[in-house]
N, C-alpha and C. Protein backbone atom coordinates (compact mmCIF):
# COMPACT_ATOMS: atom_id res chain seq x y z
N MET A 1 -9.14 25.71 15.28
CA MET A 1 -10.18 26.71 15.11
C MET A 1 -11.48 26.03 14.73
N LYS A 2 -12.58 26.29 15.44
CA LYS A 2 -13.85 25.68 15.16
C LYS A 2 -14.52 26.35 13.97
N LYS A 3 -15.22 25.55 13.21
CA LYS A 3 -15.98 26.07 12.09
C LYS A 3 -17.36 25.45 12.15
N THR A 4 -18.34 26.12 11.64
CA THR A 4 -19.70 25.61 11.69
C THR A 4 -19.92 24.56 10.63
N PHE A 5 -20.86 23.64 10.91
CA PHE A 5 -21.22 22.63 9.94
C PHE A 5 -22.19 23.22 8.93
N VAL A 6 -22.14 22.68 7.70
CA VAL A 6 -23.04 23.18 6.67
C VAL A 6 -23.79 22.03 6.03
N ILE A 7 -24.98 22.32 5.55
CA ILE A 7 -25.76 21.35 4.79
C ILE A 7 -26.22 22.07 3.52
N THR A 8 -26.01 21.46 2.38
CA THR A 8 -26.42 22.10 1.14
C THR A 8 -27.94 22.20 1.09
N CYS A 9 -28.45 23.26 0.47
CA CYS A 9 -29.90 23.50 0.45
C CYS A 9 -30.65 22.37 -0.24
N VAL A 10 -30.10 21.89 -1.35
CA VAL A 10 -30.80 20.83 -2.07
C VAL A 10 -30.86 19.56 -1.26
N ALA A 11 -29.78 19.24 -0.54
CA ALA A 11 -29.77 18.04 0.29
C ALA A 11 -30.74 18.20 1.45
N LEU A 12 -30.80 19.37 2.04
CA LEU A 12 -31.69 19.61 3.17
C LEU A 12 -33.14 19.41 2.77
N ALA A 13 -33.49 19.92 1.59
CA ALA A 13 -34.86 19.76 1.13
C ALA A 13 -35.20 18.31 0.91
N ALA A 14 -34.30 17.58 0.28
CA ALA A 14 -34.54 16.16 0.00
C ALA A 14 -34.65 15.36 1.28
N LEU A 15 -33.77 15.65 2.22
CA LEU A 15 -33.77 14.91 3.46
C LEU A 15 -35.01 15.22 4.30
N SER A 16 -35.46 16.46 4.28
CA SER A 16 -36.64 16.83 5.05
C SER A 16 -37.86 16.07 4.53
N PHE A 17 -37.94 15.92 3.22
CA PHE A 17 -39.05 15.19 2.61
C PHE A 17 -38.96 13.71 2.94
N ALA A 18 -37.73 13.16 2.86
CA ALA A 18 -37.56 11.72 3.02
C ALA A 18 -37.67 11.27 4.47
N MET A 19 -37.16 12.09 5.39
CA MET A 19 -37.05 11.65 6.76
C MET A 19 -38.01 12.37 7.71
N ALA A 20 -38.85 13.30 7.18
CA ALA A 20 -39.78 14.08 7.99
C ALA A 20 -39.01 14.75 9.11
N ALA A 21 -39.48 14.55 10.36
CA ALA A 21 -38.85 15.28 11.47
C ALA A 21 -37.60 14.58 12.00
N GLN A 22 -37.32 13.39 11.52
CA GLN A 22 -36.17 12.62 12.01
C GLN A 22 -34.87 13.21 11.47
N ALA A 23 -33.86 13.28 12.32
CA ALA A 23 -32.55 13.76 11.89
C ALA A 23 -31.99 12.83 10.83
N ALA A 24 -31.21 13.38 9.89
CA ALA A 24 -30.65 12.58 8.81
C ALA A 24 -29.28 13.11 8.44
N PRO A 25 -28.47 12.27 7.77
CA PRO A 25 -27.12 12.68 7.39
C PRO A 25 -27.09 13.82 6.39
N ALA A 26 -25.97 14.53 6.36
CA ALA A 26 -25.70 15.57 5.38
C ALA A 26 -24.45 15.17 4.60
N PRO A 27 -24.34 15.58 3.31
CA PRO A 27 -23.23 15.09 2.48
C PRO A 27 -21.89 15.74 2.74
N ALA A 28 -21.89 16.90 3.42
CA ALA A 28 -20.63 17.59 3.66
C ALA A 28 -20.67 18.28 5.00
N GLY A 29 -19.49 18.41 5.61
CA GLY A 29 -19.40 19.12 6.87
C GLY A 29 -18.14 19.94 6.93
N LYS A 30 -18.14 20.92 7.80
CA LYS A 30 -16.95 21.71 8.07
C LYS A 30 -16.60 21.54 9.54
N GLY A 31 -15.33 21.48 9.84
CA GLY A 31 -14.96 21.37 11.23
C GLY A 31 -13.48 21.29 11.42
N ALA A 32 -13.05 21.40 12.66
CA ALA A 32 -11.63 21.24 12.98
C ALA A 32 -11.23 19.82 12.68
N HIS A 33 -10.11 19.64 12.05
CA HIS A 33 -9.65 18.31 11.66
C HIS A 33 -8.51 17.86 12.56
N GLY A 34 -8.19 16.56 12.43
CA GLY A 34 -7.16 16.01 13.29
C GLY A 34 -5.76 16.43 12.92
N ALA A 35 -5.50 16.69 11.66
CA ALA A 35 -4.16 17.07 11.22
C ALA A 35 -4.26 17.69 9.84
N THR A 36 -3.35 18.58 9.52
CA THR A 36 -3.29 19.13 8.18
C THR A 36 -2.33 18.29 7.36
N GLY A 37 -2.83 17.17 6.85
CA GLY A 37 -1.97 16.25 6.13
C GLY A 37 -1.11 15.44 7.07
N PHE A 38 -0.18 14.67 6.51
CA PHE A 38 0.71 13.82 7.26
C PHE A 38 2.15 14.11 6.85
N VAL A 39 3.06 13.88 7.75
CA VAL A 39 4.48 14.11 7.47
C VAL A 39 5.06 12.91 6.73
N ALA A 40 5.77 13.17 5.64
CA ALA A 40 6.35 12.10 4.84
C ALA A 40 7.51 11.42 5.57
N THR A 41 7.67 10.13 5.34
CA THR A 41 8.79 9.36 5.89
C THR A 41 9.41 8.55 4.76
N ASP A 42 10.44 7.77 5.08
CA ASP A 42 11.09 6.99 4.03
C ASP A 42 10.20 5.84 3.55
N ARG A 43 9.11 5.56 4.26
CA ARG A 43 8.15 4.54 3.81
C ARG A 43 7.03 5.12 2.96
N THR A 44 7.01 6.43 2.83
CA THR A 44 5.91 7.08 2.14
C THR A 44 6.08 6.98 0.63
N LEU A 45 5.10 6.36 -0.02
CA LEU A 45 5.10 6.23 -1.47
C LEU A 45 4.38 7.39 -2.14
N TYR A 46 3.35 7.91 -1.49
CA TYR A 46 2.58 9.03 -2.04
C TYR A 46 2.01 9.83 -0.89
N ASN A 47 2.19 11.16 -0.95
CA ASN A 47 1.72 12.04 0.12
C ASN A 47 0.88 13.14 -0.51
N ASN A 48 -0.44 13.03 -0.42
CA ASN A 48 -1.34 14.01 -1.01
C ASN A 48 -1.76 15.00 0.06
N THR A 49 -1.09 16.14 0.08
CA THR A 49 -1.38 17.15 1.08
C THR A 49 -1.33 18.52 0.43
N GLY A 50 -1.98 19.49 1.06
CA GLY A 50 -2.03 20.82 0.49
C GLY A 50 -2.68 21.78 1.46
N THR A 51 -3.39 22.77 0.94
CA THR A 51 -4.02 23.81 1.74
C THR A 51 -5.41 23.35 2.18
N ASP A 52 -5.62 23.28 3.49
CA ASP A 52 -6.89 22.79 4.02
C ASP A 52 -8.05 23.67 3.56
N SER A 53 -9.08 23.04 2.98
CA SER A 53 -10.26 23.78 2.51
C SER A 53 -11.30 23.96 3.61
N GLY A 54 -11.16 23.22 4.71
CA GLY A 54 -12.17 23.27 5.76
C GLY A 54 -13.40 22.45 5.46
N ILE A 55 -13.36 21.67 4.37
CA ILE A 55 -14.50 20.87 3.95
C ILE A 55 -14.18 19.39 4.15
N GLY A 56 -15.14 18.64 4.66
CA GLY A 56 -15.03 17.18 4.74
C GLY A 56 -16.23 16.58 4.02
N ILE A 57 -15.99 15.68 3.05
CA ILE A 57 -17.06 15.07 2.27
C ILE A 57 -17.34 13.67 2.80
N VAL A 58 -18.61 13.38 3.02
CA VAL A 58 -19.01 12.10 3.61
C VAL A 58 -18.60 10.93 2.73
N SER A 59 -17.95 9.95 3.37
CA SER A 59 -17.59 8.69 2.73
C SER A 59 -17.83 7.61 3.79
N GLN A 60 -19.05 7.10 3.84
CA GLN A 60 -19.48 6.35 5.02
C GLN A 60 -20.51 5.30 4.67
N ASN A 61 -20.41 4.16 5.37
CA ASN A 61 -21.40 3.09 5.33
C ASN A 61 -22.24 3.20 6.60
N PHE A 62 -23.49 3.64 6.45
CA PHE A 62 -24.38 3.85 7.59
C PHE A 62 -25.10 2.55 7.97
N GLU A 63 -25.90 2.61 9.02
CA GLU A 63 -26.75 1.48 9.40
C GLU A 63 -27.79 1.23 8.31
N SER A 64 -28.40 0.04 8.34
CA SER A 64 -29.28 -0.38 7.25
C SER A 64 -30.46 0.57 7.04
N SER A 65 -30.95 1.20 8.09
CA SER A 65 -32.09 2.11 7.94
C SER A 65 -31.70 3.39 7.20
N PHE A 66 -30.42 3.63 7.03
CA PHE A 66 -29.93 4.81 6.31
C PHE A 66 -29.13 4.41 5.07
N ASP A 67 -29.42 3.25 4.52
CA ASP A 67 -28.66 2.75 3.37
C ASP A 67 -28.67 3.72 2.19
N ILE A 68 -29.76 4.48 2.01
CA ILE A 68 -29.82 5.37 0.85
C ILE A 68 -28.79 6.49 0.94
N TYR A 69 -28.19 6.68 2.13
CA TYR A 69 -27.17 7.72 2.30
C TYR A 69 -25.74 7.18 2.22
N ASP A 70 -25.60 5.86 2.08
CA ASP A 70 -24.25 5.30 1.93
C ASP A 70 -23.54 5.99 0.77
N ALA A 71 -22.33 6.45 1.01
CA ALA A 71 -21.60 7.21 -0.01
C ALA A 71 -20.13 6.88 0.07
N ALA A 72 -19.43 7.11 -1.04
CA ALA A 72 -18.00 6.84 -1.09
C ALA A 72 -17.30 7.95 -1.85
N ALA A 73 -16.16 8.38 -1.33
CA ALA A 73 -15.28 9.33 -2.02
C ALA A 73 -14.04 8.57 -2.49
N ALA A 74 -13.41 9.08 -3.53
CA ALA A 74 -12.20 8.46 -4.07
C ALA A 74 -11.28 9.53 -4.64
N ASP A 75 -9.98 9.27 -4.60
CA ASP A 75 -9.00 10.21 -5.15
C ASP A 75 -7.94 9.40 -5.88
N ASP A 76 -7.33 10.00 -6.90
CA ASP A 76 -6.39 9.25 -7.72
C ASP A 76 -4.95 9.52 -7.33
N PHE A 77 -4.08 8.61 -7.73
CA PHE A 77 -2.64 8.73 -7.53
C PHE A 77 -1.95 7.92 -8.62
N LYS A 78 -0.65 8.14 -8.77
CA LYS A 78 0.06 7.49 -9.87
C LYS A 78 1.31 6.78 -9.37
N VAL A 79 1.48 5.54 -9.79
CA VAL A 79 2.73 4.81 -9.56
C VAL A 79 3.67 5.16 -10.71
N PRO A 80 4.87 5.68 -10.42
CA PRO A 80 5.76 6.14 -11.50
C PRO A 80 6.22 5.02 -12.42
N ARG A 81 6.72 5.41 -13.57
CA ARG A 81 7.30 4.45 -14.50
C ARG A 81 8.50 3.76 -13.86
N PHE A 82 8.68 2.50 -14.24
CA PHE A 82 9.81 1.68 -13.79
C PHE A 82 9.79 1.46 -12.27
N ARG A 83 8.59 1.50 -11.68
CA ARG A 83 8.46 1.25 -10.25
C ARG A 83 7.33 0.26 -10.00
N LYS A 84 7.50 -0.52 -8.95
CA LYS A 84 6.45 -1.38 -8.42
C LYS A 84 6.28 -1.03 -6.94
N TRP A 85 5.05 -0.88 -6.50
CA TRP A 85 4.76 -0.57 -5.10
C TRP A 85 4.15 -1.76 -4.40
N THR A 86 4.55 -1.95 -3.15
CA THR A 86 3.88 -2.89 -2.25
C THR A 86 3.32 -2.05 -1.11
N VAL A 87 2.02 -1.80 -1.17
CA VAL A 87 1.35 -0.92 -0.21
C VAL A 87 0.88 -1.74 0.99
N ASP A 88 1.17 -1.25 2.21
CA ASP A 88 0.70 -1.95 3.40
C ASP A 88 0.04 -1.01 4.42
N GLU A 89 -0.12 0.26 4.05
CA GLU A 89 -0.77 1.21 4.97
C GLU A 89 -1.35 2.38 4.19
N VAL A 90 -2.51 2.83 4.63
CA VAL A 90 -3.15 4.03 4.08
C VAL A 90 -3.51 4.93 5.26
N ASP A 91 -3.14 6.21 5.16
CA ASP A 91 -3.47 7.19 6.19
C ASP A 91 -4.39 8.24 5.58
N VAL A 92 -5.43 8.62 6.31
CA VAL A 92 -6.35 9.65 5.81
C VAL A 92 -6.62 10.66 6.91
N THR A 93 -6.82 11.93 6.51
CA THR A 93 -7.23 12.98 7.42
C THR A 93 -8.73 13.17 7.28
N GLY A 94 -9.45 13.05 8.40
CA GLY A 94 -10.89 13.19 8.36
C GLY A 94 -11.41 13.91 9.59
N VAL A 95 -12.73 14.06 9.64
CA VAL A 95 -13.36 14.78 10.74
C VAL A 95 -14.74 14.19 11.02
N TYR A 96 -15.07 14.04 12.29
CA TYR A 96 -16.43 13.67 12.68
C TYR A 96 -17.28 14.93 12.76
N PHE A 97 -18.53 14.84 12.31
CA PHE A 97 -19.46 15.95 12.49
C PHE A 97 -20.87 15.38 12.66
N ASN A 98 -21.77 16.20 13.17
CA ASN A 98 -23.10 15.72 13.58
C ASN A 98 -22.99 14.56 14.55
N GLY A 99 -21.90 14.51 15.29
CA GLY A 99 -21.59 13.45 16.24
C GLY A 99 -20.09 13.40 16.44
N ALA A 100 -19.66 12.59 17.38
CA ALA A 100 -18.24 12.55 17.74
C ALA A 100 -17.59 11.19 17.48
N GLY A 101 -18.25 10.34 16.66
CA GLY A 101 -17.68 9.03 16.40
C GLY A 101 -17.84 8.12 17.62
N PRO A 102 -17.02 7.08 17.75
CA PRO A 102 -15.94 6.69 16.82
C PRO A 102 -16.43 5.76 15.72
N ALA A 103 -15.61 5.61 14.69
CA ALA A 103 -15.91 4.65 13.63
C ALA A 103 -15.76 3.23 14.15
N ARG A 104 -16.56 2.34 13.59
CA ARG A 104 -16.47 0.92 13.95
C ARG A 104 -15.27 0.27 13.25
N SER A 105 -15.06 0.62 11.99
CA SER A 105 -13.95 0.08 11.20
C SER A 105 -13.91 0.87 9.89
N GLU A 106 -12.96 0.50 9.01
CA GLU A 106 -12.78 1.20 7.74
C GLU A 106 -12.81 0.21 6.58
N HIS A 107 -13.16 0.73 5.40
CA HIS A 107 -13.21 -0.06 4.18
C HIS A 107 -12.31 0.64 3.15
N VAL A 108 -11.25 -0.04 2.73
CA VAL A 108 -10.26 0.53 1.81
C VAL A 108 -10.33 -0.21 0.48
N THR A 109 -10.44 0.55 -0.61
CA THR A 109 -10.53 -0.05 -1.94
C THR A 109 -9.60 0.68 -2.91
N PHE A 110 -8.92 -0.09 -3.76
CA PHE A 110 -8.11 0.45 -4.85
C PHE A 110 -8.80 0.10 -6.17
N TYR A 111 -8.88 1.09 -7.06
CA TYR A 111 -9.47 0.90 -8.38
C TYR A 111 -8.46 1.27 -9.47
N LYS A 112 -8.61 0.68 -10.64
CA LYS A 112 -7.90 1.16 -11.81
C LYS A 112 -8.56 2.45 -12.29
N ASN A 113 -7.85 3.20 -13.11
CA ASN A 113 -8.40 4.42 -13.68
C ASN A 113 -9.18 4.10 -14.95
N ALA A 114 -10.34 4.73 -15.08
CA ALA A 114 -11.16 4.56 -16.28
C ALA A 114 -11.63 5.93 -16.76
N ASN A 115 -10.84 6.54 -17.63
CA ASN A 115 -11.20 7.84 -18.21
C ASN A 115 -11.49 8.89 -17.15
N GLY A 116 -10.63 8.94 -16.14
CA GLY A 116 -10.76 9.97 -15.12
C GLY A 116 -11.71 9.66 -14.00
N HIS A 117 -12.11 8.38 -13.88
CA HIS A 117 -13.00 7.94 -12.81
C HIS A 117 -12.54 6.57 -12.31
N PRO A 118 -12.95 6.17 -11.11
CA PRO A 118 -12.63 4.81 -10.65
C PRO A 118 -13.23 3.77 -11.60
N GLY A 119 -12.41 2.79 -11.96
CA GLY A 119 -12.85 1.74 -12.87
C GLY A 119 -12.89 0.39 -12.20
N ALA A 120 -12.21 -0.59 -12.80
CA ALA A 120 -12.22 -1.95 -12.26
C ALA A 120 -11.53 -1.99 -10.90
N MET A 121 -12.09 -2.78 -10.00
CA MET A 121 -11.52 -2.91 -8.66
C MET A 121 -10.22 -3.72 -8.71
N VAL A 122 -9.21 -3.22 -8.01
CA VAL A 122 -7.93 -3.92 -7.90
C VAL A 122 -7.87 -4.74 -6.62
N ALA A 123 -8.26 -4.13 -5.52
CA ALA A 123 -8.25 -4.81 -4.21
C ALA A 123 -9.20 -4.08 -3.28
N THR A 124 -9.84 -4.81 -2.38
CA THR A 124 -10.73 -4.18 -1.40
C THR A 124 -10.63 -4.89 -0.07
N TYR A 125 -10.65 -4.13 1.01
CA TYR A 125 -10.50 -4.66 2.37
C TYR A 125 -11.54 -4.01 3.27
N ASP A 126 -12.49 -4.80 3.77
CA ASP A 126 -13.54 -4.27 4.63
C ASP A 126 -13.24 -4.62 6.08
N ASP A 127 -13.89 -3.87 6.99
CA ASP A 127 -13.75 -4.09 8.43
C ASP A 127 -12.28 -4.08 8.87
N VAL A 128 -11.51 -3.15 8.34
CA VAL A 128 -10.12 -2.99 8.76
C VAL A 128 -10.09 -2.11 10.00
N ALA A 129 -9.35 -2.54 11.00
CA ALA A 129 -9.28 -1.80 12.26
C ALA A 129 -8.08 -0.86 12.24
N GLY A 130 -8.30 0.37 11.81
CA GLY A 130 -7.24 1.36 11.82
C GLY A 130 -7.15 2.06 13.16
N THR A 131 -6.12 2.88 13.32
CA THR A 131 -5.93 3.67 14.54
C THR A 131 -6.51 5.06 14.32
N ASP A 132 -7.47 5.43 15.16
CA ASP A 132 -8.16 6.72 15.08
C ASP A 132 -7.48 7.69 16.05
N ASN A 133 -7.18 8.89 15.58
CA ASN A 133 -6.56 9.87 16.48
C ASN A 133 -7.56 10.51 17.43
N GLY A 134 -8.83 10.11 17.34
CA GLY A 134 -9.86 10.61 18.23
C GLY A 134 -10.77 11.64 17.60
N THR A 135 -10.33 12.23 16.49
CA THR A 135 -11.16 13.23 15.82
C THR A 135 -11.48 12.85 14.38
N GLY A 136 -11.06 11.64 13.95
CA GLY A 136 -11.44 11.17 12.63
C GLY A 136 -10.33 11.03 11.62
N SER A 137 -9.07 11.12 12.03
CA SER A 137 -7.95 10.83 11.13
C SER A 137 -7.43 9.43 11.46
N PHE A 138 -7.14 8.65 10.41
CA PHE A 138 -6.85 7.23 10.60
C PHE A 138 -5.51 6.80 10.00
N THR A 139 -4.83 5.92 10.71
CA THR A 139 -3.72 5.14 10.21
C THR A 139 -4.24 3.74 10.01
N ILE A 140 -4.30 3.28 8.76
CA ILE A 140 -5.00 2.04 8.44
C ILE A 140 -4.03 1.01 7.84
N PRO A 141 -3.69 -0.05 8.58
CA PRO A 141 -2.86 -1.11 7.99
C PRO A 141 -3.72 -1.98 7.08
N ILE A 142 -3.17 -2.38 5.94
CA ILE A 142 -3.89 -3.25 5.02
C ILE A 142 -2.98 -4.40 4.59
N PRO A 143 -3.55 -5.50 4.09
CA PRO A 143 -2.71 -6.55 3.52
C PRO A 143 -1.85 -6.01 2.39
N LYS A 144 -0.69 -6.61 2.18
CA LYS A 144 0.21 -6.13 1.13
C LYS A 144 -0.48 -6.14 -0.23
N THR A 145 -0.46 -4.98 -0.86
CA THR A 145 -1.15 -4.80 -2.14
C THR A 145 -0.13 -4.32 -3.16
N ARG A 146 0.07 -5.10 -4.22
CA ARG A 146 1.10 -4.78 -5.21
C ARG A 146 0.51 -4.03 -6.38
N LEU A 147 1.13 -2.90 -6.70
CA LEU A 147 0.67 -2.05 -7.79
C LEU A 147 1.84 -1.75 -8.73
N LYS A 148 1.61 -1.89 -10.01
CA LYS A 148 2.62 -1.55 -11.00
C LYS A 148 2.34 -0.17 -11.56
N HIS A 149 3.20 0.28 -12.47
CA HIS A 149 3.08 1.62 -13.05
C HIS A 149 1.66 1.87 -13.58
N GLY A 150 1.14 3.05 -13.27
CA GLY A 150 -0.18 3.41 -13.77
C GLY A 150 -0.91 4.32 -12.81
N THR A 151 -2.11 4.74 -13.21
CA THR A 151 -2.96 5.59 -12.38
C THR A 151 -4.01 4.74 -11.68
N TYR A 152 -4.17 4.98 -10.39
CA TYR A 152 -5.12 4.24 -9.57
C TYR A 152 -5.97 5.22 -8.77
N TRP A 153 -7.03 4.68 -8.19
CA TRP A 153 -7.91 5.44 -7.30
C TRP A 153 -7.96 4.76 -5.93
N LEU A 154 -7.91 5.57 -4.89
CA LEU A 154 -8.06 5.10 -3.52
C LEU A 154 -9.40 5.59 -2.98
N SER A 155 -10.17 4.68 -2.40
CA SER A 155 -11.41 5.04 -1.72
C SER A 155 -11.34 4.53 -0.28
N VAL A 156 -11.65 5.39 0.67
CA VAL A 156 -11.73 5.01 2.08
C VAL A 156 -13.13 5.34 2.57
N VAL A 157 -13.84 4.34 3.04
CA VAL A 157 -15.20 4.49 3.55
C VAL A 157 -15.21 4.06 5.02
N ILE A 158 -15.83 4.86 5.86
CA ILE A 158 -15.90 4.57 7.29
C ILE A 158 -17.18 3.80 7.59
N ASN A 159 -17.06 2.72 8.34
CA ASN A 159 -18.23 1.97 8.80
C ASN A 159 -18.66 2.54 10.16
N MET A 160 -19.79 3.25 10.17
CA MET A 160 -20.25 3.87 11.41
C MET A 160 -21.74 4.17 11.32
N ASP A 161 -22.48 3.84 12.37
CA ASP A 161 -23.90 4.13 12.43
C ASP A 161 -24.12 5.61 12.74
N PHE A 162 -25.03 6.23 12.00
CA PHE A 162 -25.34 7.63 12.22
C PHE A 162 -25.90 7.85 13.62
N ALA A 163 -26.73 6.93 14.09
CA ALA A 163 -27.37 7.07 15.40
C ALA A 163 -26.36 7.00 16.54
N VAL A 164 -25.22 6.38 16.27
CA VAL A 164 -24.20 6.19 17.32
C VAL A 164 -23.13 7.28 17.26
N GLY A 165 -22.57 7.50 16.07
CA GLY A 165 -21.41 8.39 15.97
C GLY A 165 -21.56 9.60 15.09
N GLY A 166 -22.72 9.74 14.42
CA GLY A 166 -22.88 10.86 13.50
C GLY A 166 -22.29 10.55 12.13
N GLU A 167 -21.51 11.47 11.60
CA GLU A 167 -20.96 11.33 10.26
C GLU A 167 -19.45 11.53 10.26
N TRP A 168 -18.84 11.01 9.19
CA TRP A 168 -17.41 11.20 8.98
C TRP A 168 -17.19 11.83 7.62
N GLY A 169 -16.38 12.88 7.59
CA GLY A 169 -16.02 13.52 6.33
C GLY A 169 -14.54 13.34 6.05
N TRP A 170 -14.22 12.94 4.82
CA TRP A 170 -12.83 12.85 4.39
C TRP A 170 -12.39 14.26 4.02
N GLU A 171 -11.40 14.80 4.74
CA GLU A 171 -11.00 16.19 4.59
C GLU A 171 -10.44 16.48 3.19
N ASN A 172 -10.77 17.68 2.71
CA ASN A 172 -10.32 18.13 1.40
C ASN A 172 -9.30 19.25 1.51
N MET A 173 -8.49 19.37 0.49
CA MET A 173 -7.60 20.52 0.32
C MET A 173 -8.18 21.41 -0.79
N LEU A 174 -7.57 22.52 -1.03
CA LEU A 174 -8.01 23.40 -2.12
C LEU A 174 -7.46 22.94 -3.47
N GLU A 175 -6.27 22.34 -3.46
CA GLU A 175 -5.59 21.97 -4.71
C GLU A 175 -6.16 20.67 -5.29
N THR A 176 -6.00 20.54 -6.61
CA THR A 176 -6.34 19.30 -7.31
C THR A 176 -5.12 18.82 -8.06
N ARG A 177 -4.75 17.56 -7.86
CA ARG A 177 -3.62 16.96 -8.56
C ARG A 177 -4.13 15.77 -9.37
N GLY A 178 -3.79 15.74 -10.63
CA GLY A 178 -4.30 14.67 -11.47
C GLY A 178 -5.78 14.90 -11.75
N ASN A 179 -6.58 13.85 -11.64
CA ASN A 179 -8.02 13.96 -11.86
C ASN A 179 -8.71 14.52 -10.62
N PRO A 180 -9.84 15.23 -10.79
CA PRO A 180 -10.59 15.69 -9.63
C PRO A 180 -11.07 14.51 -8.78
N ALA A 181 -11.17 14.73 -7.48
CA ALA A 181 -11.72 13.70 -6.60
C ALA A 181 -13.12 13.32 -7.07
N ASN A 182 -13.49 12.05 -6.86
CA ASN A 182 -14.80 11.55 -7.27
C ASN A 182 -15.64 11.16 -6.05
N TRP A 183 -16.96 11.06 -6.27
CA TRP A 183 -17.89 10.73 -5.19
C TRP A 183 -19.10 10.03 -5.78
N GLU A 184 -19.68 9.11 -5.00
CA GLU A 184 -20.92 8.49 -5.42
C GLU A 184 -21.82 8.22 -4.22
N ASN A 185 -23.13 8.32 -4.47
CA ASN A 185 -24.18 8.02 -3.47
C ASN A 185 -25.20 7.14 -4.18
N PRO A 186 -24.91 5.82 -4.27
CA PRO A 186 -25.74 4.94 -5.10
C PRO A 186 -27.23 4.97 -4.77
N GLY A 187 -27.60 5.15 -3.50
CA GLY A 187 -29.00 5.17 -3.13
C GLY A 187 -29.70 6.49 -3.38
N GLY A 188 -28.93 7.52 -3.70
CA GLY A 188 -29.52 8.81 -4.02
C GLY A 188 -30.15 9.56 -2.87
N GLY A 189 -29.85 9.15 -1.63
CA GLY A 189 -30.52 9.75 -0.48
C GLY A 189 -30.23 11.22 -0.28
N PHE A 190 -29.06 11.68 -0.69
CA PHE A 190 -28.70 13.09 -0.49
C PHE A 190 -29.35 14.02 -1.51
N GLY A 191 -29.93 13.44 -2.56
CA GLY A 191 -30.67 14.25 -3.51
C GLY A 191 -29.82 15.16 -4.38
N VAL A 192 -28.54 14.81 -4.56
CA VAL A 192 -27.66 15.65 -5.38
C VAL A 192 -27.21 14.92 -6.64
N GLY A 193 -27.87 13.81 -6.98
CA GLY A 193 -27.45 13.02 -8.12
C GLY A 193 -26.22 12.20 -7.76
N CYS A 194 -25.34 11.96 -8.74
CA CYS A 194 -24.08 11.24 -8.51
C CYS A 194 -24.32 9.87 -7.89
N THR A 195 -25.23 9.10 -8.48
CA THR A 195 -25.47 7.74 -8.01
C THR A 195 -24.39 6.79 -8.51
N THR A 196 -23.57 7.23 -9.46
CA THR A 196 -22.34 6.53 -9.84
C THR A 196 -21.22 7.56 -9.77
N TRP A 197 -19.98 7.10 -9.97
CA TRP A 197 -18.83 7.97 -9.79
C TRP A 197 -18.91 9.20 -10.69
N GLU A 198 -18.80 10.38 -10.06
CA GLU A 198 -18.76 11.66 -10.76
C GLU A 198 -17.74 12.55 -10.08
N ASP A 199 -17.30 13.60 -10.79
CA ASP A 199 -16.41 14.57 -10.16
C ASP A 199 -17.09 15.12 -8.90
N GLU A 200 -16.38 15.07 -7.80
CA GLU A 200 -16.98 15.40 -6.50
C GLU A 200 -17.54 16.82 -6.45
N ALA A 201 -16.82 17.78 -7.01
CA ALA A 201 -17.26 19.17 -6.95
C ALA A 201 -18.52 19.41 -7.77
N THR A 202 -18.84 18.50 -8.69
CA THR A 202 -20.10 18.57 -9.42
C THR A 202 -21.25 18.15 -8.51
N CYS A 203 -21.00 17.17 -7.67
CA CYS A 203 -22.03 16.66 -6.77
C CYS A 203 -22.24 17.60 -5.58
N ILE A 204 -21.13 18.06 -5.00
CA ILE A 204 -21.17 18.89 -3.79
C ILE A 204 -20.23 20.08 -4.04
N PRO A 205 -20.71 21.13 -4.64
CA PRO A 205 -19.85 22.26 -5.04
C PRO A 205 -19.56 23.22 -3.89
N ASP A 206 -18.72 22.77 -2.95
CA ASP A 206 -18.38 23.60 -1.79
C ASP A 206 -16.97 24.17 -1.89
N GLY A 207 -16.37 24.14 -3.07
CA GLY A 207 -15.06 24.75 -3.27
C GLY A 207 -13.89 23.87 -2.90
N GLN A 208 -14.12 22.57 -2.73
CA GLN A 208 -13.06 21.67 -2.32
C GLN A 208 -12.27 21.13 -3.51
N GLY A 209 -11.05 20.66 -3.22
CA GLY A 209 -10.23 19.99 -4.22
C GLY A 209 -10.04 18.53 -3.83
N ASP A 210 -8.79 18.06 -3.90
CA ASP A 210 -8.48 16.68 -3.56
C ASP A 210 -8.63 16.41 -2.07
N HIS A 211 -8.49 15.11 -1.72
CA HIS A 211 -8.53 14.69 -0.33
C HIS A 211 -7.12 14.53 0.24
N PHE A 212 -7.02 14.67 1.56
CA PHE A 212 -5.76 14.39 2.26
C PHE A 212 -5.59 12.88 2.43
N PHE A 213 -4.49 12.34 1.92
CA PHE A 213 -4.20 10.92 2.18
C PHE A 213 -2.72 10.65 1.95
N MET A 214 -2.28 9.54 2.49
CA MET A 214 -0.90 9.10 2.34
C MET A 214 -0.90 7.59 2.10
N ILE A 215 -0.06 7.15 1.18
CA ILE A 215 0.11 5.73 0.90
C ILE A 215 1.51 5.31 1.30
N LYS A 216 1.61 4.25 2.09
CA LYS A 216 2.90 3.81 2.60
C LYS A 216 3.20 2.36 2.24
N GLY A 217 4.47 2.05 2.19
CA GLY A 217 4.90 0.69 1.88
C GLY A 217 6.33 0.68 1.36
N LYS A 218 6.57 -0.17 0.37
CA LYS A 218 7.91 -0.27 -0.23
C LYS A 218 7.78 -0.20 -1.74
N GLN A 219 8.87 0.25 -2.37
CA GLN A 219 8.89 0.25 -3.83
C GLN A 219 10.14 -0.44 -4.34
N SER A 220 10.04 -0.95 -5.55
CA SER A 220 11.18 -1.62 -6.18
C SER A 220 11.19 -1.26 -7.65
N LEU A 221 12.32 -1.52 -8.31
CA LEU A 221 12.45 -1.24 -9.73
C LEU A 221 11.68 -2.27 -10.54
N ALA A 222 11.07 -1.82 -11.61
CA ALA A 222 10.39 -2.72 -12.54
C ALA A 222 11.02 -2.50 -13.91
N LEU A 223 11.95 -3.37 -14.27
CA LEU A 223 12.71 -3.21 -15.52
C LEU A 223 12.05 -3.97 -16.67
């Protein structure tokens, strides 16, 4: 089912001033997505899925002329007690809007938890060539990443030029599990604040909850 794209009023005003008549990115979009979550398998360590909100929040590295719009979304997950994970794949549900893609590559980062926000970086992988389903949902292989018990944050950022492919939104659900999803726009181009990690719904209050994602790999006992 098709849905119309939206631009928040505050972002539109800021972008109109900054970019004059030139088209510019928007922080959120609505649209048909590639999948409503992913189906769990025996390799699935964490499956964050729920009720589709119809909202996709921009998490994208744009071309240099649009650096002030570079933004990242992140969501948390927990490795259970007495378990160790070896993660080798991340899957995300997303949507292209204001263009049809495709992404050039993906940037995957894991952070430690710091009082309900992404903290110290655990591992980061740029220019990863994931498999795109054609509408913005990705299966992304990553180098083996070992995580012990605790709360972590996953951030997936798409590398794509606005002039070539438009924008990519990481799809949201209505539900929130653990900490609220976080978002940052360090250059402040969208005019909504949140130049460092903040609760996403504070930055872009469109009624969204967590993001759709799946973490895959192997787990073992940690005694």
